[in-house]
Amino acid sequence: MKPNNPIHAILDALAAQQRRGETSLTVRIEPDLIQDAINVPGYRKLFAPVIPGLTDTAPIYAAYEHMRQAGETRDTILVLVECQTIREFREALGRLPIRKSSEWRSFSTTGSGSSY
């Protein structure tokens, strides 16, 4: 996805999924659109790097479903970031503004406080 207005394109894609009755909301973007995806209002986001043809997405979808069903009142979006390499994903993250640690949330899969 590389639209002129990425936030509107993401919201349009999510609205189309909701109109079809889908409960799992997923969008694929390019690494340079991560900041735009972060700024999509009203949704929790789970970002996952995906290398087409190489990444096993089954564990990603499983973690997403666990997070989505964890009782949060807002919808959660799975944002699959299509990269050629993991380095490309890390470089895109490195260009983002630094956030205060209090703004980050941990996501526990075991209840023991481990985070992604």
PDB file of N, CA and C in Angstrom:
ATOM      1  N   MET A   1       0.851  -1.164   0.000  1.00  0.00           N
ATOM      2  CA  MET A   1       0.000   0.000   0.000  1.00  0.00           C
ATOM      3  C   MET A   1       0.900   1.231   0.000  1.00  0.00           C
ATOM      4  N   LYS A   2       0.740   2.119  -0.989  1.00  0.00           N
ATOM      5  CA  LYS A   2       1.496   3.371  -1.037  1.00  0.00           C
ATOM      6  C   LYS A   2       0.599   4.490  -1.576  1.00  0.00           C
ATOM      7  N   PRO A   3      -0.448   4.846  -0.837  1.00  0.00           N
ATOM      8  CA  PRO A   3      -1.403   5.852  -1.289  1.00  0.00           C
ATOM      9  C   PRO A   3      -0.920   7.271  -1.018  1.00  0.00           C
ATOM     10  N   ASN A   4      -1.623   8.253  -1.586  1.00  0.00           N
ATOM     11  CA  ASN A   4      -1.307   9.661  -1.338  1.00  0.00           C
ATOM     12  C   ASN A   4      -1.584  10.043   0.108  1.00  0.00           C
ATOM     13  N   ASN A   5      -2.681   9.561   0.676  1.00  0.00           N
ATOM     14  CA  ASN A   5      -3.015   9.830   2.068  1.00  0.00           C
ATOM     15  C   ASN A   5      -3.103   8.490   2.793  1.00  0.00           C
ATOM     16  N   PRO A   6      -1.969   8.030   3.344  1.00  0.00           N
ATOM     17  CA  PRO A   6      -1.931   6.689   3.949  1.00  0.00           C
ATOM     18  C   PRO A   6      -2.926   6.470   5.083  1.00  0.00           C
ATOM     19  N   ILE A   7      -3.142   7.477   5.914  1.00  0.00           N
ATOM     20  CA  ILE A   7      -4.062   7.294   7.038  1.00  0.00           C
ATOM     21  C   ILE A   7      -5.476   7.035   6.516  1.00  0.00           C
ATOM     22  N   HIS A   8      -5.912   7.817   5.526  1.00  0.00           N
ATOM     23  CA  HIS A   8      -7.251   7.590   4.962  1.00  0.00           C
ATOM     24  C   HIS A   8      -7.333   6.233   4.280  1.00  0.00           C
ATOM     25  N   ALA A   9      -6.281   5.835   3.574  1.00  0.00           N
ATOM     26  CA  ALA A   9      -6.285   4.532   2.902  1.00  0.00           C
ATOM     27  C   ALA A   9      -6.385   3.396   3.914  1.00  0.00           C
ATOM     28  N   ILE A  10      -5.665   3.517   5.021  1.00  0.00           N
ATOM     29  CA  ILE A  10      -5.720   2.491   6.068  1.00  0.00           C
ATOM     30  C   ILE A  10      -7.125   2.445   6.667  1.00  0.00           C
ATOM     31  N   LEU A  11      -7.679   3.616   6.979  1.00  0.00           N
ATOM     32  CA  LEU A  11      -9.031   3.662   7.545  1.00  0.00           C
ATOM     33  C   LEU A  11     -10.060   3.110   6.568  1.00  0.00           C
ATOM     34  N   ASP A  12      -9.910   3.408   5.280  1.00  0.00           N
ATOM     35  CA  ASP A  12     -10.829   2.871   4.269  1.00  0.00           C
ATOM     36  C   ASP A  12     -10.744   1.345   4.207  1.00  0.00           C
ATOM     37  N   ALA A  13      -9.522   0.805   4.254  1.00  0.00           N
ATOM     38  CA  ALA A  13      -9.343  -0.648   4.211  1.00  0.00           C
ATOM     39  C   ALA A  13      -9.977  -1.303   5.438  1.00  0.00           C
ATOM     40  N   LEU A  14      -9.802  -0.685   6.603  1.00  0.00           N
ATOM     41  CA  LEU A  14     -10.384  -1.229   7.832  1.00  0.00           C
ATOM     42  C   LEU A  14     -11.912  -1.146   7.797  1.00  0.00           C
ATOM     43  N   ALA A  15     -12.448  -0.034   7.288  1.00  0.00           N
ATOM     44  CA  ALA A  15     -13.897   0.120   7.196  1.00  0.00           C
ATOM     45  C   ALA A  15     -14.495  -0.935   6.259  1.00  0.00           C
ATOM     46  N   ALA A  16     -13.810  -1.214   5.165  1.00  0.00           N
ATOM     47  CA  ALA A  16     -14.287  -2.244   4.230  1.00  0.00           C
ATOM     48  C   ALA A  16     -14.317  -3.607   4.909  1.00  0.00           C
ATOM     49  N   GLN A  17     -13.294  -3.914   5.708  1.00  0.00           N
ATOM     50  CA  GLN A  17     -13.272  -5.193   6.423  1.00  0.00           C
ATOM     51  C   GLN A  17     -14.421  -5.263   7.425  1.00  0.00           C
ATOM     52  N   GLN A  18     -14.679  -4.170   8.114  1.00  0.00           N
ATOM     53  CA  GLN A  18     -15.771  -4.152   9.098  1.00  0.00           C
ATOM     54  C   GLN A  18     -17.129  -4.287   8.418  1.00  0.00           C
ATOM     55  N   ARG A  19     -17.304  -3.655   7.251  1.00  0.00           N
ATOM     56  CA  ARG A  19     -18.576  -3.787   6.515  1.00  0.00           C
ATOM     57  C   ARG A  19     -18.815  -5.232   6.089  1.00  0.00           C
ATOM     58  N   ARG A  20     -17.729  -5.959   5.829  1.00  0.00           N
ATOM     59  CA  ARG A  20     -17.862  -7.376   5.460  1.00  0.00           C
ATOM     60  C   ARG A  20     -18.086  -8.261   6.690  1.00  0.00           C
ATOM     61  N   GLY A  21     -18.097  -7.651   7.877  1.00  0.00           N
ATOM     62  CA  GLY A  21     -18.341  -8.404   9.096  1.00  0.00           C
ATOM     63  C   GLY A  21     -17.113  -9.062   9.684  1.00  0.00           C
ATOM     64  N   GLU A  22     -15.953  -8.694   9.188  1.00  0.00           N
ATOM     65  CA  GLU A  22     -14.717  -9.287   9.705  1.00  0.00           C
ATOM     66  C   GLU A  22     -14.411  -8.712  11.079  1.00  0.00           C
ATOM     67  N   THR A  23     -13.984  -9.571  11.983  1.00  0.00           N
ATOM     68  CA  THR A  23     -13.608  -9.107  13.318  1.00  0.00           C
ATOM     69  C   THR A  23     -12.106  -8.917  13.440  1.00  0.00           C
ATOM     70  N   SER A  24     -11.338  -9.589  12.626  1.00  0.00           N
ATOM     71  CA  SER A  24      -9.889  -9.416  12.595  1.00  0.00           C
ATOM     72  C   SER A  24      -9.577  -8.348  11.561  1.00  0.00           C
ATOM     73  N   LEU A  25      -8.933  -7.279  12.002  1.00  0.00           N
ATOM     74  CA  LEU A  25      -8.622  -6.166  11.121  1.00  0.00           C
ATOM     75  C   LEU A  25      -7.128  -6.172  10.807  1.00  0.00           C
ATOM     76  N   THR A  26      -6.800  -6.338   9.531  1.00  0.00           N
ATOM     77  CA  THR A  26      -5.410  -6.479   9.110  1.00  0.00           C
ATOM     78  C   THR A  26      -5.137  -5.545   7.942  1.00  0.00           C
ATOM     79  N   VAL A  27      -3.985  -4.918   7.950  1.00  0.00           N
ATOM     80  CA  VAL A  27      -3.574  -4.066   6.844  1.00  0.00           C
ATOM     81  C   VAL A  27      -2.098  -4.324   6.565  1.00  0.00           C
ATOM     82  N   ARG A  28      -1.735  -4.318   5.281  1.00  0.00           N
ATOM     83  CA  ARG A  28      -0.338  -4.468   4.867  1.00  0.00           C
ATOM     84  C   ARG A  28       0.169  -3.124   4.389  1.00  0.00           C
ATOM     85  N   ILE A  29       1.361  -2.751   4.867  1.00  0.00           N
ATOM     86  CA  ILE A  29       1.953  -1.476   4.472  1.00  0.00           C
ATOM     87  C   ILE A  29       3.433  -1.681   4.144  1.00  0.00           C
ATOM     88  N   GLU A  30       4.016  -0.646   3.563  1.00  0.00           N
ATOM     89  CA  GLU A  30       5.446  -0.624   3.331  1.00  0.00           C
ATOM     90  C   GLU A  30       6.114   0.014   4.548  1.00  0.00           C
ATOM     91  N   PRO A  31       7.396  -0.287   4.785  1.00  0.00           N
ATOM     92  CA  PRO A  31       8.066   0.235   5.986  1.00  0.00           C
ATOM     93  C   PRO A  31       8.010   1.754   6.146  1.00  0.00           C
ATOM     94  N   ASP A  32       8.043   2.502   5.046  1.00  0.00           N
ATOM     95  CA  ASP A  32       8.033   3.956   5.180  1.00  0.00           C
ATOM     96  C   ASP A  32       6.678   4.517   5.600  1.00  0.00           C
ATOM     97  N   LEU A  33       5.669   3.662   5.754  1.00  0.00           N
ATOM     98  CA  LEU A  33       4.345   4.106   6.193  1.00  0.00           C
ATOM     99  C   LEU A  33       4.061   3.766   7.656  1.00  0.00           C
ATOM    100  N   ILE A  34       5.070   3.286   8.382  1.00  0.00           N
ATOM    101  CA  ILE A  34       4.866   2.918   9.789  1.00  0.00           C
ATOM    102  C   ILE A  34       4.375   4.109  10.600  1.00  0.00           C
ATOM    103  N   GLN A  35       5.010   5.279  10.435  1.00  0.00           N
ATOM    104  CA  GLN A  35       4.602   6.455  11.196  1.00  0.00           C
ATOM    105  C   GLN A  35       3.140   6.803  10.921  1.00  0.00           C
ATOM    106  N   ASP A  36       2.725   6.713   9.660  1.00  0.00           N
ATOM    107  CA  ASP A  36       1.318   6.978   9.329  1.00  0.00           C
ATOM    108  C   ASP A  36       0.402   5.988  10.020  1.00  0.00           C
ATOM    109  N   ALA A  37       0.775   4.720  10.033  1.00  0.00           N
ATOM    110  CA  ALA A  37      -0.048   3.700  10.684  1.00  0.00           C
ATOM    111  C   ALA A  37      -0.134   3.942  12.187  1.00  0.00           C
ATOM    112  N   ILE A  38       0.956   4.393  12.781  1.00  0.00           N
ATOM    113  CA  ILE A  38       0.947   4.704  14.210  1.00  0.00           C
ATOM    114  C   ILE A  38      -0.084   5.791  14.504  1.00  0.00           C
ATOM    115  N   ASN A  39      -0.228   6.728  13.579  1.00  0.00           N
ATOM    116  CA  ASN A  39      -1.117   7.870  13.781  1.00  0.00           C
ATOM    117  C   ASN A  39      -2.579   7.605  13.428  1.00  0.00           C
ATOM    118  N   VAL A  40      -2.925   6.392  13.024  1.00  0.00           N
ATOM    119  CA  VAL A  40      -4.325   6.073  12.758  1.00  0.00           C
ATOM    120  C   VAL A  40      -5.066   6.128  14.094  1.00  0.00           C
ATOM    121  N   PRO A  41      -6.064   6.991  14.201  1.00  0.00           N
ATOM    122  CA  PRO A  41      -6.734   7.175  15.492  1.00  0.00           C
ATOM    123  C   PRO A  41      -7.712   6.055  15.837  1.00  0.00           C
ATOM    124  N   GLY A  42      -7.866   5.822  17.154  1.00  0.00           N
ATOM    125  CA  GLY A  42      -8.925   4.942  17.630  1.00  0.00           C
ATOM    126  C   GLY A  42      -8.635   3.460  17.627  1.00  0.00           C
ATOM    127  N   TYR A  43      -7.429   3.053  17.294  1.00  0.00           N
ATOM    128  CA  TYR A  43      -7.095   1.635  17.229  1.00  0.00           C
ATOM    129  C   TYR A  43      -5.798   1.358  17.979  1.00  0.00           C
ATOM    130  N   ARG A  44      -5.746   0.211  18.646  1.00  0.00           N
ATOM    131  CA  ARG A  44      -4.468  -0.333  19.120  1.00  0.00           C
ATOM    132  C   ARG A  44      -3.833  -0.976  17.907  1.00  0.00           C
ATOM    133  N   LYS A  45      -2.515  -0.992  17.852  1.00  0.00           N
ATOM    134  CA  LYS A  45      -1.831  -1.569  16.698  1.00  0.00           C
ATOM    135  C   LYS A  45      -0.788  -2.584  17.133  1.00  0.00           C
ATOM    136  N   LEU A  46      -0.719  -3.655  16.384  1.00  0.00           N
ATOM    137  CA  LEU A  46       0.317  -4.664  16.558  1.00  0.00           C
ATOM    138  C   LEU A  46       1.083  -4.708  15.243  1.00  0.00           C
ATOM    139  N   PHE A  47       2.343  -4.275  15.266  1.00  0.00           N
ATOM    140  CA  PHE A  47       3.167  -4.237  14.069  1.00  0.00           C
ATOM    141  C   PHE A  47       3.994  -5.513  13.980  1.00  0.00           C
ATOM    142  N   ALA A  48       4.081  -6.051  12.768  1.00  0.00           N
ATOM    143  CA  ALA A  48       4.879  -7.258  12.549  1.00  0.00           C
ATOM    144  C   ALA A  48       5.584  -7.153  11.198  1.00  0.00           C
ATOM    145  N   PRO A  49       6.899  -7.363  11.199  1.00  0.00           N
ATOM    146  CA  PRO A  49       7.603  -7.366   9.909  1.00  0.00           C
ATOM    147  C   PRO A  49       7.308  -8.661   9.163  1.00  0.00           C
ATOM    148  N   VAL A  50       7.097  -8.551   7.868  1.00  0.00           N
ATOM    149  CA  VAL A  50       6.803  -9.719   7.043  1.00  0.00           C
ATOM    150  C   VAL A  50       7.660  -9.633   5.795  1.00  0.00           C
ATOM    151  N   ILE A  51       8.423 -10.688   5.545  1.00  0.00           N
ATOM    152  CA  ILE A  51       9.179 -10.805   4.307  1.00  0.00           C
ATOM    153  C   ILE A  51       8.382 -11.763   3.422  1.00  0.00           C
ATOM    154  N   PRO A  52       7.765 -11.225   2.345  1.00  0.00           N
ATOM    155  CA  PRO A  52       6.912 -12.062   1.496  1.00  0.00           C
ATOM    156  C   PRO A  52       7.635 -13.334   1.038  1.00  0.00           C
ATOM    157  N   GLY A  53       6.951 -14.464   1.212  1.00  0.00           N
ATOM    158  CA  GLY A  53       7.497 -15.752   0.806  1.00  0.00           C
ATOM    159  C   GLY A  53       8.408 -16.406   1.827  1.00  0.00           C
ATOM    160  N   LEU A  54       8.806 -15.669   2.861  1.00  0.00           N
ATOM    161  CA  LEU A  54       9.717 -16.225   3.865  1.00  0.00           C
ATOM    162  C   LEU A  54       9.136 -16.263   5.276  1.00  0.00           C
ATOM    163  N   THR A  55       8.300 -15.303   5.616  1.00  0.00           N
ATOM    164  CA  THR A  55       7.793 -15.197   6.979  1.00  0.00           C
ATOM    165  C   THR A  55       6.607 -16.124   7.189  1.00  0.00           C
ATOM    166  N   ASP A  56       6.673 -16.922   8.263  1.00  0.00           N
ATOM    167  CA  ASP A  56       5.533 -17.742   8.678  1.00  0.00           C
ATOM    168  C   ASP A  56       4.605 -16.825   9.467  1.00  0.00           C
ATOM    169  N   THR A  57       3.474 -16.493   8.898  1.00  0.00           N
ATOM    170  CA  THR A  57       2.563 -15.551   9.550  1.00  0.00           C
ATOM    171  C   THR A  57       1.642 -16.196  10.582  1.00  0.00           C
ATOM    172  N   ALA A  58       1.617 -17.513  10.669  1.00  0.00           N
ATOM    173  CA  ALA A  58       0.723 -18.183  11.623  1.00  0.00           C
ATOM    174  C   ALA A  58       0.962 -17.721  13.063  1.00  0.00           C
ATOM    175  N   PRO A  59       2.219 -17.656  13.557  1.00  0.00           N
ATOM    176  CA  PRO A  59       2.418 -17.171  14.927  1.00  0.00           C
ATOM    177  C   PRO A  59       2.038 -15.696  15.093  1.00  0.00           C
ATOM    178  N   ILE A  60       2.200 -14.922  14.039  1.00  0.00           N
ATOM    179  CA  ILE A  60       1.828 -13.503  14.096  1.00  0.00           C
ATOM    180  C   ILE A  60       0.318 -13.379  14.266  1.00  0.00           C
ATOM    181  N   TYR A  61      -0.438 -14.129  13.455  1.00  0.00           N
ATOM    182  CA  TYR A  61      -1.896 -14.087  13.564  1.00  0.00           C
ATOM    183  C   TYR A  61      -2.360 -14.619  14.918  1.00  0.00           C
ATOM    184  N   ALA A  62      -1.697 -15.618  15.456  1.00  0.00           N
ATOM    185  CA  ALA A  62      -2.064 -16.169  16.767  1.00  0.00           C
ATOM    186  C   ALA A  62      -1.857 -15.121  17.863  1.00  0.00           C
ATOM    187  N   ALA A  63      -0.724 -14.411  17.832  1.00  0.00           N
ATOM    188  CA  ALA A  63      -0.460 -13.362  18.818  1.00  0.00           C
ATOM    189  C   ALA A  63      -1.479 -12.232  18.677  1.00  0.00           C
ATOM    190  N   TYR A  64      -1.810 -11.915  17.450  1.00  0.00           N
ATOM    191  CA  TYR A  64      -2.800 -10.867  17.187  1.00  0.00           C
ATOM    192  C   TYR A  64      -4.165 -11.249  17.756  1.00  0.00           C
ATOM    193  N   GLU A  65      -4.608 -12.463  17.506  1.00  0.00           N
ATOM    194  CA  GLU A  65      -5.911 -12.899  18.017  1.00  0.00           C
ATOM    195  C   GLU A  65      -5.926 -12.882  19.541  1.00  0.00           C
ATOM    196  N   HIS A  66      -4.818 -13.280  20.160  1.00  0.00           N
ATOM    197  CA  HIS A  66      -4.728 -13.250  21.623  1.00  0.00           C
ATOM    198  C   HIS A  66      -4.862 -11.808  22.119  1.00  0.00           C
ATOM    199  N   MET A  67      -4.150 -10.905  21.481  1.00  0.00           N
ATOM    200  CA  MET A  67      -4.190  -9.499  21.876  1.00  0.00           C
ATOM    201  C   MET A  67      -5.582  -8.913  21.652  1.00  0.00           C
ATOM    202  N   ARG A  68      -6.191  -9.232  20.521  1.00  0.00           N
ATOM    203  CA  ARG A  68      -7.490  -8.692  20.161  1.00  0.00           C
ATOM    204  C   ARG A  68      -8.564  -9.143  21.143  1.00  0.00           C
ATOM    205  N   GLN A  69      -8.456 -10.353  21.633  1.00  0.00           N
ATOM    206  CA  GLN A  69      -9.466 -10.911  22.523  1.00  0.00           C
ATOM    207  C   GLN A  69      -9.153 -10.679  23.999  1.00  0.00           C
ATOM    208  N   ALA A  70      -8.126  -9.891  24.281  1.00  0.00           N
ATOM    209  CA  ALA A  70      -7.691  -9.687  25.666  1.00  0.00           C
ATOM    210  C   ALA A  70      -8.596  -8.747  26.458  1.00  0.00           C
ATOM    211  N   GLY A  71      -9.741  -8.370  25.881  1.00  0.00           N
ATOM    212  CA  GLY A  71     -10.689  -7.564  26.637  1.00  0.00           C
ATOM    213  C   GLY A  71     -10.549  -6.073  26.434  1.00  0.00           C
ATOM    214  N   GLU A  72      -9.717  -5.650  25.554  1.00  0.00           N
ATOM    215  CA  GLU A  72      -9.578  -4.215  25.269  1.00  0.00           C
ATOM    216  C   GLU A  72     -10.855  -3.724  24.598  1.00  0.00           C
ATOM    217  N   THR A  73     -11.282  -2.518  24.927  1.00  0.00           N
ATOM    218  CA  THR A  73     -12.534  -2.010  24.370  1.00  0.00           C
ATOM    219  C   THR A  73     -12.379  -1.487  22.943  1.00  0.00           C
ATOM    220  N   ARG A  74     -11.198  -1.077  22.574  1.00  0.00           N
ATOM    221  CA  ARG A  74     -10.983  -0.580  21.216  1.00  0.00           C
ATOM    222  C   ARG A  74     -10.570  -1.721  20.308  1.00  0.00           C
ATOM    223  N   ASP A  75     -10.791  -1.538  19.018  1.00  0.00           N
ATOM    224  CA  ASP A  75     -10.342  -2.514  18.031  1.00  0.00           C
ATOM    225  C   ASP A  75      -8.820  -2.503  17.958  1.00  0.00           C
ATOM    226  N   THR A  76      -8.270  -3.647  17.629  1.00  0.00           N
ATOM    227  CA  THR A  76      -6.833  -3.776  17.442  1.00  0.00           C
ATOM    228  C   THR A  76      -6.570  -4.131  15.991  1.00  0.00           C
ATOM    229  N   ILE A  77      -5.633  -3.429  15.389  1.00  0.00           N
ATOM    230  CA  ILE A  77      -5.252  -3.663  14.000  1.00  0.00           C
ATOM    231  C   ILE A  77      -3.948  -4.450  13.974  1.00  0.00           C
ATOM    232  N   LEU A  78      -3.881  -5.450  13.108  1.00  0.00           N
ATOM    233  CA  LEU A  78      -2.618  -6.121  12.831  1.00  0.00           C
ATOM    234  C   LEU A  78      -2.026  -5.422  11.615  1.00  0.00           C
ATOM    235  N   VAL A  79      -0.890  -4.789  11.794  1.00  0.00           N
ATOM    236  CA  VAL A  79      -0.229  -4.074  10.710  1.00  0.00           C
ATOM    237  C   VAL A  79       0.965  -4.909  10.265  1.00  0.00           C
ATOM    238  N   LEU A  80       0.826  -5.517   9.098  1.00  0.00           N
ATOM    239  CA  LEU A  80       1.913  -6.313   8.530  1.00  0.00           C
ATOM    240  C   LEU A  80       2.769  -5.386   7.680  1.00  0.00           C
ATOM    241  N   VAL A  81       4.028  -5.253   8.062  1.00  0.00           N
ATOM    242  CA  VAL A  81       4.944  -4.355   7.372  1.00  0.00           C
ATOM    243  C   VAL A  81       5.785  -5.196   6.418  1.00  0.00           C
ATOM    244  N   GLU A  82       5.507  -5.058   5.115  1.00  0.00           N
ATOM    245  CA  GLU A  82       6.200  -5.867   4.115  1.00  0.00           C
ATOM    246  C   GLU A  82       7.577  -5.291   3.835  1.00  0.00           C
ATOM    247  N   CYS A  83       8.598  -6.108   4.117  1.00  0.00           N
ATOM    248  CA  CYS A  83       9.991  -5.704   3.968  1.00  0.00           C
ATOM    249  C   CYS A  83      10.725  -6.699   3.085  1.00  0.00           C
ATOM    250  N   GLN A  84      11.833  -6.268   2.561  1.00  0.00           N
ATOM    251  CA  GLN A  84      12.718  -7.188   1.845  1.00  0.00           C
ATOM    252  C   GLN A  84      13.647  -7.888   2.833  1.00  0.00           C
ATOM    253  N   THR A  85      13.983  -7.189   3.930  1.00  0.00           N
ATOM    254  CA  THR A  85      14.844  -7.740   4.985  1.00  0.00           C
ATOM    255  C   THR A  85      14.370  -7.194   6.325  1.00  0.00           C
ATOM    256  N   ILE A  86      14.742  -7.856   7.395  1.00  0.00           N
ATOM    257  CA  ILE A  86      14.427  -7.354   8.738  1.00  0.00           C
ATOM    258  C   ILE A  86      15.163  -6.041   8.974  1.00  0.00           C
ATOM    259  N   ARG A  87      16.340  -5.904   8.399  1.00  0.00           N
ATOM    260  CA  ARG A  87      17.097  -4.655   8.535  1.00  0.00           C
ATOM    261  C   ARG A  87      16.286  -3.471   8.015  1.00  0.00           C
ATOM    262  N   GLU A  88      15.572  -3.648   6.921  1.00  0.00           N
ATOM    263  CA  GLU A  88      14.725  -2.582   6.379  1.00  0.00           C
ATOM    264  C   GLU A  88      13.662  -2.160   7.401  1.00  0.00           C
ATOM    265  N   PHE A  89      13.080  -3.133   8.092  1.00  0.00           N
ATOM    266  CA  PHE A  89      12.090  -2.853   9.136  1.00  0.00           C
ATOM    267  C   PHE A  89      12.736  -2.083  10.282  1.00  0.00           C
ATOM    268  N   ARG A  90      13.889  -2.536  10.739  1.00  0.00           N
ATOM    269  CA  ARG A  90      14.587  -1.867  11.850  1.00  0.00           C
ATOM    270  C   ARG A  90      14.993  -0.442  11.484  1.00  0.00           C
ATOM    271  N   GLU A  91      15.427  -0.242  10.255  1.00  0.00           N
ATOM    272  CA  GLU A  91      15.792   1.107   9.818  1.00  0.00           C
ATOM    273  C   GLU A  91      14.574   2.022   9.806  1.00  0.00           C
ATOM    274  N   ALA A  92      13.432   1.502   9.385  1.00  0.00           N
ATOM    275  CA  ALA A  92      12.196   2.298   9.394  1.00  0.00           C
ATOM    276  C   ALA A  92      11.815   2.668  10.822  1.00  0.00           C
ATOM    277  N   LEU A  93      11.961   1.729  11.747  1.00  0.00           N
ATOM    278  CA  LEU A  93      11.660   2.017  13.158  1.00  0.00           C
ATOM    279  C   LEU A  93      12.632   3.043  13.714  1.00  0.00           C
ATOM    280  N   GLY A  94      13.891   2.958  13.298  1.00  0.00           N
ATOM    281  CA  GLY A  94      14.917   3.887  13.783  1.00  0.00           C
ATOM    282  C   GLY A  94      14.662   5.323  13.357  1.00  0.00           C
ATOM    283  N   ARG A  95      13.900   5.533  12.295  1.00  0.00           N
ATOM    284  CA  ARG A  95      13.589   6.887  11.831  1.00  0.00           C
ATOM    285  C   ARG A  95      12.418   7.506  12.581  1.00  0.00           C
ATOM    286  N   LEU A  96      11.739   6.726  13.419  1.00  0.00           N
ATOM    287  CA  LEU A  96      10.583   7.245  14.161  1.00  0.00           C
ATOM    288  C   LEU A  96      11.046   8.094  15.334  1.00  0.00           C
ATOM    289  N   PRO A  97      10.233   9.063  15.721  1.00  0.00           N
ATOM    290  CA  PRO A  97      10.580   9.862  16.905  1.00  0.00           C
ATOM    291  C   PRO A  97      10.639   8.963  18.140  1.00  0.00           C
ATOM    292  N   ILE A  98      11.530   9.286  19.043  1.00  0.00           N
ATOM    293  CA  ILE A  98      11.664   8.508  20.276  1.00  0.00           C
ATOM    294  C   ILE A  98      10.459   8.792  21.165  1.00  0.00           C
ATOM    295  N   ARG A  99       9.901   7.718  21.730  1.00  0.00           N
ATOM    296  CA  ARG A  99       8.745   7.847  22.613  1.00  0.00           C
ATOM    297  C   ARG A  99       9.188   7.605  24.042  1.00  0.00           C
ATOM    298  N   LYS A 100       8.506   8.233  24.980  1.00  0.00           N
ATOM    299  CA  LYS A 100       8.766   7.989  26.388  1.00  0.00           C
ATOM    300  C   LYS A 100       8.340   6.570  26.718  1.00  0.00           C
ATOM    301  N   SER A 101       9.062   5.925  27.608  1.00  0.00           N
ATOM    302  CA  SER A 101       8.754   4.535  27.934  1.00  0.00           C
ATOM    303  C   SER A 101       7.340   4.371  28.483  1.00  0.00           C
ATOM    304  N   SER A 102       6.802   5.412  29.098  1.00  0.00           N
ATOM    305  CA  SER A 102       5.446   5.305  29.645  1.00  0.00           C
ATOM    306  C   SER A 102       4.402   5.216  28.538  1.00  0.00           C
ATOM    307  N   GLU A 103       4.770   5.557  27.294  1.00  0.00           N
ATOM    308  CA  GLU A 103       3.829   5.473  26.189  1.00  0.00           C
ATOM    309  C   GLU A 103       3.766   4.071  25.595  1.00  0.00           C
ATOM    310  N   TRP A 104       4.725   3.224  25.890  1.00  0.00           N
ATOM    311  CA  TRP A 104       4.766   1.875  25.330  1.00  0.00           C
ATOM    312  C   TRP A 104       4.011   0.926  26.250  1.00  0.00           C
ATOM    313  N   ARG A 105       3.333  -0.006  25.674  1.00  0.00           N
ATOM    314  CA  ARG A 105       2.614  -1.017  26.460  1.00  0.00           C
ATOM    315  C   ARG A 105       3.233  -2.372  26.202  1.00  0.00           C
ATOM    316  N   SER A 106       3.311  -3.175  27.249  1.00  0.00           N
ATOM    317  CA  SER A 106       3.793  -4.542  27.031  1.00  0.00           C
ATOM    318  C   SER A 106       2.612  -5.409  26.655  1.00  0.00           C
ATOM    319  N   PHE A 107       2.895  -6.477  25.954  1.00  0.00           N
ATOM    320  CA  PHE A 107       1.877  -7.431  25.544  1.00  0.00           C
ATOM    321  C   PHE A 107       2.320  -8.786  26.054  1.00  0.00           C
ATOM    322  N   SER A 108       1.639  -9.287  27.058  1.00  0.00           N
ATOM    323  CA  SER A 108       2.006 -10.546  27.678  1.00  0.00           C
ATOM    324  C   SER A 108       1.220 -11.688  27.063  1.00  0.00           C
ATOM    325  N   THR A 109       1.933 -12.743  26.667  1.00  0.00           N
ATOM    326  CA  THR A 109       1.255 -13.915  26.141  1.00  0.00           C
ATOM    327  C   THR A 109       1.071 -14.969  27.232  1.00  0.00           C
ATOM    328  N   THR A 110       1.766 -14.801  28.352  1.00  0.00           N
ATOM    329  CA  THR A 110       1.707 -15.814  29.399  1.00  0.00           C
ATOM    330  C   THR A 110       1.153 -15.263  30.716  1.00  0.00           C
ATOM    331  N   GLY A 111       1.004 -13.954  30.784  1.00  0.00           N
ATOM    332  CA  GLY A 111       0.560 -13.362  32.042  1.00  0.00           C
ATOM    333  C   GLY A 111       1.715 -13.131  32.987  1.00  0.00           C
ATOM    334  N   SER A 112       2.952 -13.453  32.572  1.00  0.00           N
ATOM    335  CA  SER A 112       4.093 -13.310  33.466  1.00  0.00           C
ATOM    336  C   SER A 112       4.819 -11.988  33.270  1.00  0.00           C
ATOM    337  N   GLY A 113       4.275 -11.106  32.394  1.00  0.00           N
ATOM    338  CA  GLY A 113       4.897  -9.818  32.224  1.00  0.00           C
ATOM    339  C   GLY A 113       5.890  -9.760  31.086  1.00  0.00           C
ATOM    340  N   SER A 114       6.069 -10.825  30.325  1.00  0.00           N
ATOM    341  CA  SER A 114       6.976 -10.743  29.192  1.00  0.00           C
ATOM    342  C   SER A 114       6.353  -9.842  28.160  1.00  0.00           C
ATOM    343  N   SER A 115       7.182  -9.151  27.379  1.00  0.00           N
ATOM    344  CA  SER A 115       6.637  -8.231  26.391  1.00  0.00           C
ATOM    345  C   SER A 115       7.332  -8.405  25.063  1.00  0.00           C
ATOM    346  N   TYR A 116       6.666  -7.939  24.025  1.00  0.00           N
ATOM    347  CA  TYR A 116       7.218  -7.980  22.673  1.00  0.00           C
ATOM    348  C   TYR A 116       7.928  -6.703  22.394  1.00  0.00           C
TER     349      TYR A 116
END
